[in-house]
Amino acid sequence: MAADPKRSEAEIYTALGEMLVKWNHVESLMRFLVVWMYGLGDKGDILTVHMGNTTLADALTTLTTEFGDETLKPHILHFVAYVDRVRAYRNYYAHGIAIVGFIDTGEPVGALQQMQARGQLILSQEQITVAKIQAVTEMCQVASRYGSAISAHVMRDQDFQIPQTLLLSLQDKPQLPAQLTKPRLNLREHRRQHSASQE
Protein backbone atom coordinates (compact mmCIF):
# COMPACT_ATOMS: atom_id res chain seq x y z
CA MET A 1 0.00 0.00 0.00
CA ALA A 2 1.46 3.36 -1.05
CA ALA A 3 2.06 6.04 1.57
CA ASP A 4 -0.44 8.87 1.69
CA PRO A 5 1.52 11.83 0.20
CA LYS A 6 -0.56 14.42 2.07
CA ARG A 7 0.17 12.71 5.36
CA SER A 8 3.87 12.54 4.50
CA GLU A 9 3.95 16.19 3.43
CA ALA A 10 2.27 17.07 6.71
CA GLU A 11 5.30 15.70 8.58
CA ILE A 12 7.46 18.46 7.08
CA TYR A 13 4.83 21.14 7.66
CA THR A 14 4.29 20.01 11.26
CA ALA A 15 8.02 19.93 11.96
CA LEU A 16 8.48 23.42 10.48
CA GLY A 17 5.54 24.78 12.47
CA GLU A 18 6.91 23.40 15.74
CA MET A 19 10.36 24.82 14.97
CA LEU A 20 8.90 28.27 14.30
CA VAL A 21 6.81 28.32 17.50
CA LYS A 22 9.81 27.25 19.60
CA TRP A 23 11.90 29.95 17.89
CA ASN A 24 9.25 32.58 18.66
CA HIS A 25 9.60 31.75 22.36
CA VAL A 26 13.38 32.24 22.15
CA GLU A 27 12.88 35.62 20.49
CA SER A 28 10.36 36.64 23.18
CA LEU A 29 12.92 35.77 25.86
CA MET A 30 15.47 38.10 24.25
CA ARG A 31 12.86 40.86 24.17
CA PHE A 32 11.97 40.16 27.81
CA LEU A 33 15.62 40.39 28.89
CA VAL A 34 16.14 43.71 27.09
CA VAL A 35 13.01 45.21 28.67
CA TRP A 36 13.10 43.79 32.21
CA MET A 37 16.77 43.44 32.98
CA TYR A 38 17.30 47.11 32.30
CA GLY A 39 14.09 48.39 33.91
CA LEU A 40 12.57 49.77 30.73
CA GLY A 41 9.00 48.59 31.39
CA ASP A 42 6.38 49.73 28.88
CA LYS A 43 8.89 52.11 27.32
CA GLY A 44 11.04 49.12 26.50
CA ASP A 45 8.10 47.35 24.89
CA ILE A 46 7.61 50.38 22.65
CA LEU A 47 11.28 50.33 21.67
CA THR A 48 11.56 46.59 21.10
CA VAL A 49 8.18 45.70 19.57
CA HIS A 50 9.44 46.11 15.98
CA MET A 51 13.00 44.91 16.54
CA GLY A 52 14.02 41.86 14.55
CA ASN A 53 16.09 39.16 16.16
CA THR A 54 19.46 40.53 14.98
CA THR A 55 18.74 43.99 16.38
CA LEU A 56 17.44 42.47 19.62
CA ALA A 57 20.62 40.43 19.94
CA ASP A 58 22.78 43.50 19.32
CA ALA A 59 20.81 45.53 21.88
CA LEU A 60 20.98 42.77 24.50
CA THR A 61 24.71 42.26 23.93
CA THR A 62 25.47 45.97 24.21
CA LEU A 63 23.25 46.55 27.26
CA THR A 64 24.76 43.51 28.98
CA THR A 65 28.35 44.45 28.15
CA GLU A 66 27.91 48.05 29.29
CA PHE A 67 25.50 47.71 32.22
CA GLY A 68 24.99 44.01 32.96
CA ASP A 69 25.01 42.29 36.31
CA GLU A 70 28.42 40.62 36.66
CA THR A 71 26.93 37.29 37.76
CA LEU A 72 24.47 37.05 34.87
CA LYS A 73 26.63 38.74 32.22
CA PRO A 74 28.51 35.63 31.01
CA HIS A 75 25.24 33.71 30.79
CA ILE A 76 23.40 36.39 28.86
CA LEU A 77 26.29 36.78 26.40
CA HIS A 78 26.45 33.00 25.96
CA PHE A 79 22.66 32.90 25.47
CA VAL A 80 22.94 35.53 22.72
CA ALA A 81 25.77 33.59 21.04
CA TYR A 82 23.71 30.38 21.21
CA VAL A 83 20.64 32.10 19.79
CA ASP A 84 22.70 33.60 16.96
CA ARG A 85 23.82 30.12 15.89
CA VAL A 86 20.24 28.82 16.01
CA ARG A 87 18.94 31.86 14.11
CA ALA A 88 21.08 30.94 11.10
CA TYR A 89 19.44 27.50 10.88
CA ARG A 90 15.96 28.84 11.57
CA ASN A 91 16.22 31.49 8.85
CA TYR A 92 17.76 29.06 6.36
CA TYR A 93 14.96 26.52 6.80
CA ALA A 94 12.07 28.97 7.28
CA HIS A 95 12.94 31.12 4.26
CA GLY A 96 14.61 28.55 2.02
CA ILE A 97 12.17 25.64 1.84
CA ALA A 98 9.81 26.33 -1.04
CA ILE A 99 8.19 22.97 -1.76
CA VAL A 100 7.92 19.50 -0.26
CA GLY A 101 8.99 16.47 -2.27
CA PHE A 102 9.96 12.86 -1.69
CA ILE A 103 13.25 11.02 -1.96
CA ASP A 104 13.56 7.46 -3.30
CA THR A 105 12.72 5.90 0.08
CA GLY A 106 9.40 7.78 0.13
CA GLU A 107 10.59 10.04 2.94
CA PRO A 108 9.30 13.62 2.63
CA VAL A 109 11.90 16.39 2.32
CA GLY A 110 11.75 20.14 2.12
CA ALA A 111 13.33 21.24 -1.14
CA LEU A 112 15.47 24.17 -0.11
CA GLN A 113 16.84 26.68 -2.58
CA GLN A 114 18.39 29.96 -1.61
CA MET A 115 20.24 32.55 -3.67
CA GLN A 116 22.77 35.10 -2.46
CA ALA A 117 24.04 38.02 -4.49
CA ARG A 118 26.73 39.69 -2.40
CA GLY A 119 29.49 40.26 -4.92
CA GLN A 120 28.92 36.83 -6.47
CA LEU A 121 25.79 34.89 -7.38
CA ILE A 122 25.75 31.86 -5.06
CA LEU A 123 23.16 29.09 -5.04
CA SER A 124 22.47 26.85 -2.05
CA GLN A 125 20.30 23.78 -2.68
CA GLU A 126 19.61 20.80 -0.46
CA GLN A 127 16.96 18.43 0.78
CA ILE A 128 15.90 19.05 4.38
CA THR A 129 14.52 16.04 6.24
CA VAL A 130 12.14 16.01 9.20
CA ALA A 131 15.07 14.92 11.38
CA LYS A 132 17.10 18.00 10.39
CA ILE A 133 14.18 20.29 11.25
CA GLN A 134 13.67 18.49 14.56
CA ALA A 135 17.35 19.01 15.39
CA VAL A 136 16.85 22.78 15.03
CA THR A 137 13.70 22.55 17.16
CA GLU A 138 15.76 20.87 19.87
CA MET A 139 18.30 23.72 19.65
CA CYS A 140 15.40 26.16 20.15
CA GLN A 141 14.26 24.19 23.19
CA VAL A 142 17.75 24.30 24.71
CA ALA A 143 17.85 28.07 24.12
CA SER A 144 14.38 28.41 25.69
CA ARG A 145 15.37 26.50 28.82
CA TYR A 146 18.57 28.49 29.21
CA GLY A 147 16.90 31.85 28.49
CA SER A 148 14.03 31.01 30.86
CA ALA A 149 16.50 30.21 33.64
CA ILE A 150 18.27 33.53 33.09
CA SER A 151 14.91 35.35 33.02
CA ALA A 152 13.84 33.73 36.31
CA HIS A 153 17.05 34.98 37.95
CA VAL A 154 16.42 38.48 36.56
CA MET A 155 12.90 38.49 38.00
CA ARG A 156 14.11 37.18 41.37
CA ASP A 157 16.70 39.95 41.50
CA GLN A 158 13.85 42.44 41.01
CA ASP A 159 12.03 41.02 44.06
CA PHE A 160 9.49 38.94 42.18
CA GLN A 161 8.48 35.73 43.94
CA ILE A 162 9.83 33.03 41.63
CA PRO A 163 9.14 29.36 42.42
CA GLN A 164 12.36 27.50 43.17
CA THR A 165 11.57 25.06 40.35
CA LEU A 166 11.99 27.91 37.84
CA LEU A 167 15.37 28.94 39.22
CA LEU A 168 17.30 26.42 37.20
CA SER A 169 21.00 26.15 37.77
CA LEU A 170 23.13 28.48 35.70
CA GLN A 171 26.26 26.47 36.42
CA ASP A 172 26.45 24.83 33.02
CA LYS A 173 26.28 26.73 29.76
CA PRO A 174 24.87 24.73 26.86
CA GLN A 175 27.43 23.88 24.20
CA LEU A 176 27.09 26.13 21.16
CA PRO A 177 25.58 24.41 18.12
CA ALA A 178 27.85 23.93 15.12
CA GLN A 179 27.83 26.90 12.79
CA LEU A 180 25.56 26.42 9.81
CA THR A 181 27.42 25.52 6.65
CA LYS A 182 25.48 25.82 3.42
CA PRO A 183 26.30 24.08 0.16
CA ARG A 184 27.59 26.79 -2.15
CA LEU A 185 27.55 26.77 -5.93
CA ASN A 186 29.12 29.78 -7.65
CA LEU A 187 26.89 30.09 -10.70
CA ARG A 188 29.35 32.08 -12.82
CA GLU A 189 32.07 29.47 -12.23
CA HIS A 190 29.57 26.66 -12.84
CA ARG A 191 28.53 28.21 -16.19
CA ARG A 192 32.19 28.65 -17.18
CA GLN A 193 33.02 25.02 -16.38
CA HIS A 194 29.89 23.83 -18.18
CA SER A 195 30.79 25.84 -21.30
CA ALA A 196 34.36 24.51 -21.24
CA SER A 197 33.09 20.92 -21.06
CA GLN A 198 30.89 21.50 -24.13
CA GLU A 199 33.82 22.63 -26.31
C-alpha atoms as a PDB file:
ATOM      1  CA  MET A   1       0.000   0.000   0.000  1.00  0.00           C
ATOM      2  CA  ALA A   2       1.459   3.364  -1.050  1.00  0.00           C
ATOM      3  CA  ALA A   3       2.064   6.042   1.571  1.00  0.00           C
ATOM      4  CA  ASP A   4      -0.437   8.870   1.686  1.00  0.00           C
ATOM      5  CA  PRO A   5       1.524  11.830   0.198  1.00  0.00           C
ATOM      6  CA  LYS A   6      -0.561  14.423   2.073  1.00  0.00           C
ATOM      7  CA  ARG A   7       0.166  12.714   5.359  1.00  0.00           C
ATOM      8  CA  SER A   8       3.872  12.536   4.498  1.00  0.00           C
ATOM      9  CA  GLU A   9       3.946  16.188   3.434  1.00  0.00           C
ATOM     10  CA  ALA A  10       2.272  17.071   6.706  1.00  0.00           C
ATOM     11  CA  GLU A  11       5.303  15.698   8.581  1.00  0.00           C
ATOM     12  CA  ILE A  12       7.460  18.457   7.081  1.00  0.00           C
ATOM     13  CA  TYR A  13       4.826  21.137   7.665  1.00  0.00           C
ATOM     14  CA  THR A  14       4.293  20.007  11.261  1.00  0.00           C
ATOM     15  CA  ALA A  15       8.023  19.934  11.964  1.00  0.00           C
ATOM     16  CA  LEU A  16       8.485  23.419  10.478  1.00  0.00           C
ATOM     17  CA  GLY A  17       5.542  24.776  12.472  1.00  0.00           C
ATOM     18  CA  GLU A  18       6.909  23.400  15.741  1.00  0.00           C
ATOM     19  CA  MET A  19      10.358  24.821  14.974  1.00  0.00           C
ATOM     20  CA  LEU A  20       8.901  28.275  14.303  1.00  0.00           C
ATOM     21  CA  VAL A  21       6.809  28.321  17.496  1.00  0.00           C
ATOM     22  CA  LYS A  22       9.811  27.253  19.597  1.00  0.00           C
ATOM     23  CA  TRP A  23      11.899  29.948  17.894  1.00  0.00           C
ATOM     24  CA  ASN A  24       9.246  32.580  18.661  1.00  0.00           C
ATOM     25  CA  HIS A  25       9.602  31.755  22.357  1.00  0.00           C
ATOM     26  CA  VAL A  26      13.378  32.237  22.148  1.00  0.00           C
ATOM     27  CA  GLU A  27      12.877  35.620  20.490  1.00  0.00           C
ATOM     28  CA  SER A  28      10.358  36.639  23.176  1.00  0.00           C
ATOM     29  CA  LEU A  29      12.925  35.768  25.862  1.00  0.00           C
ATOM     30  CA  MET A  30      15.469  38.103  24.248  1.00  0.00           C
ATOM     31  CA  ARG A  31      12.858  40.856  24.174  1.00  0.00           C
ATOM     32  CA  PHE A  32      11.970  40.159  27.814  1.00  0.00           C
ATOM     33  CA  LEU A  33      15.618  40.391  28.893  1.00  0.00           C
ATOM     34  CA  VAL A  34      16.143  43.710  27.088  1.00  0.00           C
ATOM     35  CA  VAL A  35      13.012  45.207  28.666  1.00  0.00           C
ATOM     36  CA  TRP A  36      13.097  43.793  32.205  1.00  0.00           C
ATOM     37  CA  MET A  37      16.765  43.443  32.981  1.00  0.00           C
ATOM     38  CA  TYR A  38      17.299  47.109  32.299  1.00  0.00           C
ATOM     39  CA  GLY A  39      14.092  48.386  33.914  1.00  0.00           C
ATOM     40  CA  LEU A  40      12.572  49.767  30.727  1.00  0.00           C
ATOM     41  CA  GLY A  41       9.001  48.585  31.394  1.00  0.00           C
ATOM     42  CA  ASP A  42       6.384  49.731  28.884  1.00  0.00           C
ATOM     43  CA  LYS A  43       8.892  52.113  27.324  1.00  0.00           C
ATOM     44  CA  GLY A  44      11.040  49.120  26.505  1.00  0.00           C
ATOM     45  CA  ASP A  45       8.095  47.352  24.893  1.00  0.00           C
ATOM     46  CA  ILE A  46       7.614  50.384  22.654  1.00  0.00           C
ATOM     47  CA  LEU A  47      11.278  50.330  21.674  1.00  0.00           C
ATOM     48  CA  THR A  48      11.558  46.586  21.097  1.00  0.00           C
ATOM     49  CA  VAL A  49       8.180  45.704  19.566  1.00  0.00           C
ATOM     50  CA  HIS A  50       9.440  46.106  15.981  1.00  0.00           C
ATOM     51  CA  MET A  51      12.997  44.914  16.536  1.00  0.00           C
ATOM     52  CA  GLY A  52      14.017  41.861  14.548  1.00  0.00           C
ATOM     53  CA  ASN A  53      16.092  39.155  16.156  1.00  0.00           C
ATOM     54  CA  THR A  54      19.457  40.526  14.978  1.00  0.00           C
ATOM     55  CA  THR A  55      18.741  43.987  16.379  1.00  0.00           C
ATOM     56  CA  LEU A  56      17.440  42.468  19.618  1.00  0.00           C
ATOM     57  CA  ALA A  57      20.619  40.425  19.940  1.00  0.00           C
ATOM     58  CA  ASP A  58      22.776  43.498  19.315  1.00  0.00           C
ATOM     59  CA  ALA A  59      20.806  45.530  21.881  1.00  0.00           C
ATOM     60  CA  LEU A  60      20.975  42.768  24.498  1.00  0.00           C
ATOM     61  CA  THR A  61      24.709  42.264  23.932  1.00  0.00           C
ATOM     62  CA  THR A  62      25.468  45.974  24.212  1.00  0.00           C
ATOM     63  CA  LEU A  63      23.252  46.548  27.264  1.00  0.00           C
ATOM     64  CA  THR A  64      24.759  43.512  28.981  1.00  0.00           C
ATOM     65  CA  THR A  65      28.351  44.446  28.155  1.00  0.00           C
ATOM     66  CA  GLU A  66      27.905  48.053  29.288  1.00  0.00           C
ATOM     67  CA  PHE A  67      25.501  47.712  32.223  1.00  0.00           C
ATOM     68  CA  GLY A  68      24.990  44.009  32.959  1.00  0.00           C
ATOM     69  CA  ASP A  69      25.013  42.286  36.312  1.00  0.00           C
ATOM     70  CA  GLU A  70      28.421  40.618  36.659  1.00  0.00           C
ATOM     71  CA  THR A  71      26.926  37.294  37.755  1.00  0.00           C
ATOM     72  CA  LEU A  72      24.472  37.051  34.865  1.00  0.00           C
ATOM     73  CA  LYS A  73      26.629  38.736  32.216  1.00  0.00           C
ATOM     74  CA  PRO A  74      28.515  35.627  31.013  1.00  0.00           C
ATOM     75  CA  HIS A  75      25.244  33.709  30.788  1.00  0.00           C
ATOM     76  CA  ILE A  76      23.403  36.393  28.858  1.00  0.00           C
ATOM     77  CA  LEU A  77      26.287  36.783  26.403  1.00  0.00           C
ATOM     78  CA  HIS A  78      26.445  33.004  25.957  1.00  0.00           C
ATOM     79  CA  PHE A  79      22.656  32.901  25.468  1.00  0.00           C
ATOM     80  CA  VAL A  80      22.940  35.531  22.720  1.00  0.00           C
ATOM     81  CA  ALA A  81      25.772  33.590  21.037  1.00  0.00           C
ATOM     82  CA  TYR A  82      23.713  30.379  21.207  1.00  0.00           C
ATOM     83  CA  VAL A  83      20.639  32.105  19.793  1.00  0.00           C
ATOM     84  CA  ASP A  84      22.698  33.603  16.960  1.00  0.00           C
ATOM     85  CA  ARG A  85      23.823  30.125  15.886  1.00  0.00           C
ATOM     86  CA  VAL A  86      20.240  28.817  16.009  1.00  0.00           C
ATOM     87  CA  ARG A  87      18.939  31.859  14.113  1.00  0.00           C
ATOM     88  CA  ALA A  88      21.079  30.942  11.101  1.00  0.00           C
ATOM     89  CA  TYR A  89      19.444  27.501  10.883  1.00  0.00           C
ATOM     90  CA  ARG A  90      15.959  28.845  11.569  1.00  0.00           C
ATOM     91  CA  ASN A  91      16.224  31.486   8.848  1.00  0.00           C
ATOM     92  CA  TYR A  92      17.762  29.056   6.363  1.00  0.00           C
ATOM     93  CA  TYR A  93      14.958  26.523   6.805  1.00  0.00           C
ATOM     94  CA  ALA A  94      12.073  28.966   7.277  1.00  0.00           C
ATOM     95  CA  HIS A  95      12.941  31.123   4.256  1.00  0.00           C
ATOM     96  CA  GLY A  96      14.614  28.549   2.022  1.00  0.00           C
ATOM     97  CA  ILE A  97      12.165  25.643   1.843  1.00  0.00           C
ATOM     98  CA  ALA A  98       9.808  26.332  -1.042  1.00  0.00           C
ATOM     99  CA  ILE A  99       8.188  22.966  -1.759  1.00  0.00           C
ATOM    100  CA  VAL A 100       7.915  19.498  -0.260  1.00  0.00           C
ATOM    101  CA  GLY A 101       8.987  16.471  -2.271  1.00  0.00           C
ATOM    102  CA  PHE A 102       9.959  12.864  -1.690  1.00  0.00           C
ATOM    103  CA  ILE A 103      13.252  11.025  -1.956  1.00  0.00           C
ATOM    104  CA  ASP A 104      13.561   7.464  -3.299  1.00  0.00           C
ATOM    105  CA  THR A 105      12.722   5.899   0.076  1.00  0.00           C
ATOM    106  CA  GLY A 106       9.402   7.780   0.125  1.00  0.00           C
ATOM    107  CA  GLU A 107      10.594  10.043   2.935  1.00  0.00           C
ATOM    108  CA  PRO A 108       9.302  13.624   2.626  1.00  0.00           C
ATOM    109  CA  VAL A 109      11.897  16.391   2.324  1.00  0.00           C
ATOM    110  CA  GLY A 110      11.745  20.136   2.121  1.00  0.00           C
ATOM    111  CA  ALA A 111      13.332  21.237  -1.141  1.00  0.00           C
ATOM    112  CA  LEU A 112      15.469  24.174  -0.108  1.00  0.00           C
ATOM    113  CA  GLN A 113      16.839  26.676  -2.585  1.00  0.00           C
ATOM    114  CA  GLN A 114      18.390  29.956  -1.609  1.00  0.00           C
ATOM    115  CA  MET A 115      20.244  32.545  -3.671  1.00  0.00           C
ATOM    116  CA  GLN A 116      22.767  35.102  -2.460  1.00  0.00           C
ATOM    117  CA  ALA A 117      24.037  38.021  -4.493  1.00  0.00           C
ATOM    118  CA  ARG A 118      26.733  39.689  -2.399  1.00  0.00           C
ATOM    119  CA  GLY A 119      29.488  40.264  -4.916  1.00  0.00           C
ATOM    120  CA  GLN A 120      28.915  36.832  -6.465  1.00  0.00           C
ATOM    121  CA  LEU A 121      25.795  34.891  -7.376  1.00  0.00           C
ATOM    122  CA  ILE A 122      25.752  31.862  -5.057  1.00  0.00           C
ATOM    123  CA  LEU A 123      23.157  29.089  -5.037  1.00  0.00           C
ATOM    124  CA  SER A 124      22.468  26.847  -2.054  1.00  0.00           C
ATOM    125  CA  GLN A 125      20.304  23.785  -2.677  1.00  0.00           C
ATOM    126  CA  GLU A 126      19.610  20.799  -0.460  1.00  0.00           C
ATOM    127  CA  GLN A 127      16.957  18.430   0.782  1.00  0.00           C
ATOM    128  CA  ILE A 128      15.896  19.049   4.376  1.00  0.00           C
ATOM    129  CA  THR A 129      14.518  16.045   6.243  1.00  0.00           C
ATOM    130  CA  VAL A 130      12.137  16.013   9.202  1.00  0.00           C
ATOM    131  CA  ALA A 131      15.072  14.920  11.377  1.00  0.00           C
ATOM    132  CA  LYS A 132      17.097  18.002  10.389  1.00  0.00           C
ATOM    133  CA  ILE A 133      14.184  20.288  11.251  1.00  0.00           C
ATOM    134  CA  GLN A 134      13.665  18.489  14.560  1.00  0.00           C
ATOM    135  CA  ALA A 135      17.348  19.013  15.394  1.00  0.00           C
ATOM    136  CA  VAL A 136      16.854  22.777  15.031  1.00  0.00           C
ATOM    137  CA  THR A 137      13.698  22.553  17.157  1.00  0.00           C
ATOM    138  CA  GLU A 138      15.763  20.872  19.866  1.00  0.00           C
ATOM    139  CA  MET A 139      18.304  23.717  19.645  1.00  0.00           C
ATOM    140  CA  CYS A 140      15.403  26.155  20.148  1.00  0.00           C
ATOM    141  CA  GLN A 141      14.263  24.187  23.194  1.00  0.00           C
ATOM    142  CA  VAL A 142      17.753  24.300  24.707  1.00  0.00           C
ATOM    143  CA  ALA A 143      17.850  28.067  24.120  1.00  0.00           C
ATOM    144  CA  SER A 144      14.379  28.405  25.686  1.00  0.00           C
ATOM    145  CA  ARG A 145      15.371  26.499  28.821  1.00  0.00           C
ATOM    146  CA  TYR A 146      18.572  28.495  29.211  1.00  0.00           C
ATOM    147  CA  GLY A 147      16.896  31.847  28.488  1.00  0.00           C
ATOM    148  CA  SER A 148      14.033  31.007  30.858  1.00  0.00           C
ATOM    149  CA  ALA A 149      16.504  30.205  33.644  1.00  0.00           C
ATOM    150  CA  ILE A 150      18.267  33.534  33.087  1.00  0.00           C
ATOM    151  CA  SER A 151      14.909  35.351  33.020  1.00  0.00           C
ATOM    152  CA  ALA A 152      13.844  33.732  36.307  1.00  0.00           C
ATOM    153  CA  HIS A 153      17.052  34.985  37.953  1.00  0.00           C
ATOM    154  CA  VAL A 154      16.419  38.475  36.558  1.00  0.00           C
ATOM    155  CA  MET A 155      12.898  38.488  38.000  1.00  0.00           C
ATOM    156  CA  ARG A 156      14.107  37.184  41.365  1.00  0.00           C
ATOM    157  CA  ASP A 157      16.699  39.950  41.500  1.00  0.00           C
ATOM    158  CA  GLN A 158      13.851  42.442  41.015  1.00  0.00           C
ATOM    159  CA  ASP A 159      12.030  41.016  44.062  1.00  0.00           C
ATOM    160  CA  PHE A 160       9.491  38.943  42.179  1.00  0.00           C
ATOM    161  CA  GLN A 161       8.484  35.727  43.938  1.00  0.00           C
ATOM    162  CA  ILE A 162       9.833  33.030  41.634  1.00  0.00           C
ATOM    163  CA  PRO A 163       9.144  29.363  42.416  1.00  0.00           C
ATOM    164  CA  GLN A 164      12.360  27.497  43.171  1.00  0.00           C
ATOM    165  CA  THR A 165      11.575  25.056  40.352  1.00  0.00           C
ATOM    166  CA  LEU A 166      11.990  27.907  37.837  1.00  0.00           C
ATOM    167  CA  LEU A 167      15.370  28.937  39.222  1.00  0.00           C
ATOM    168  CA  LEU A 168      17.298  26.420  37.202  1.00  0.00           C
ATOM    169  CA  SER A 169      20.996  26.151  37.768  1.00  0.00           C
ATOM    170  CA  LEU A 170      23.126  28.482  35.696  1.00  0.00           C
ATOM    171  CA  GLN A 171      26.261  26.468  36.423  1.00  0.00           C
ATOM    172  CA  ASP A 172      26.454  24.832  33.018  1.00  0.00           C
ATOM    173  CA  LYS A 173      26.283  26.729  29.761  1.00  0.00           C
ATOM    174  CA  PRO A 174      24.870  24.729  26.863  1.00  0.00           C
ATOM    175  CA  GLN A 175      27.428  23.882  24.195  1.00  0.00           C
ATOM    176  CA  LEU A 176      27.088  26.127  21.162  1.00  0.00           C
ATOM    177  CA  PRO A 177      25.583  24.407  18.117  1.00  0.00           C
ATOM    178  CA  ALA A 178      27.852  23.935  15.121  1.00  0.00           C
ATOM    179  CA  GLN A 179      27.833  26.902  12.788  1.00  0.00           C
ATOM    180  CA  LEU A 180      25.561  26.422   9.806  1.00  0.00           C
ATOM    181  CA  THR A 181      27.421  25.516   6.649  1.00  0.00           C
ATOM    182  CA  LYS A 182      25.485  25.816   3.416  1.00  0.00           C
ATOM    183  CA  PRO A 183      26.295  24.079   0.157  1.00  0.00           C
ATOM    184  CA  ARG A 184      27.594  26.793  -2.147  1.00  0.00           C
ATOM    185  CA  LEU A 185      27.554  26.771  -5.928  1.00  0.00           C
ATOM    186  CA  ASN A 186      29.123  29.779  -7.653  1.00  0.00           C
ATOM    187  CA  LEU A 187      26.887  30.087 -10.699  1.00  0.00           C
ATOM    188  CA  ARG A 188      29.352  32.076 -12.824  1.00  0.00           C
ATOM    189  CA  GLU A 189      32.075  29.471 -12.231  1.00  0.00           C
ATOM    190  CA  HIS A 190      29.573  26.662 -12.840  1.00  0.00           C
ATOM    191  CA  ARG A 191      28.534  28.206 -16.189  1.00  0.00           C
ATOM    192  CA  ARG A 192      32.189  28.651 -17.182  1.00  0.00           C
ATOM    193  CA  GLN A 193      33.016  25.018 -16.376  1.00  0.00           C
ATOM    194  CA  HIS A 194      29.892  23.826 -18.179  1.00  0.00           C
ATOM    195  CA  SER A 195      30.792  25.842 -21.295  1.00  0.00           C
ATOM    196  CA  ALA A 196      34.356  24.506 -21.244  1.00  0.00           C
ATOM    197  CA  SER A 197      33.089  20.917 -21.060  1.00  0.00           C
ATOM    198  CA  GLN A 198      30.892  21.496 -24.129  1.00  0.00           C
ATOM    199  CA  GLU A 199      33.819  22.631 -26.310  1.00  0.00           C
END
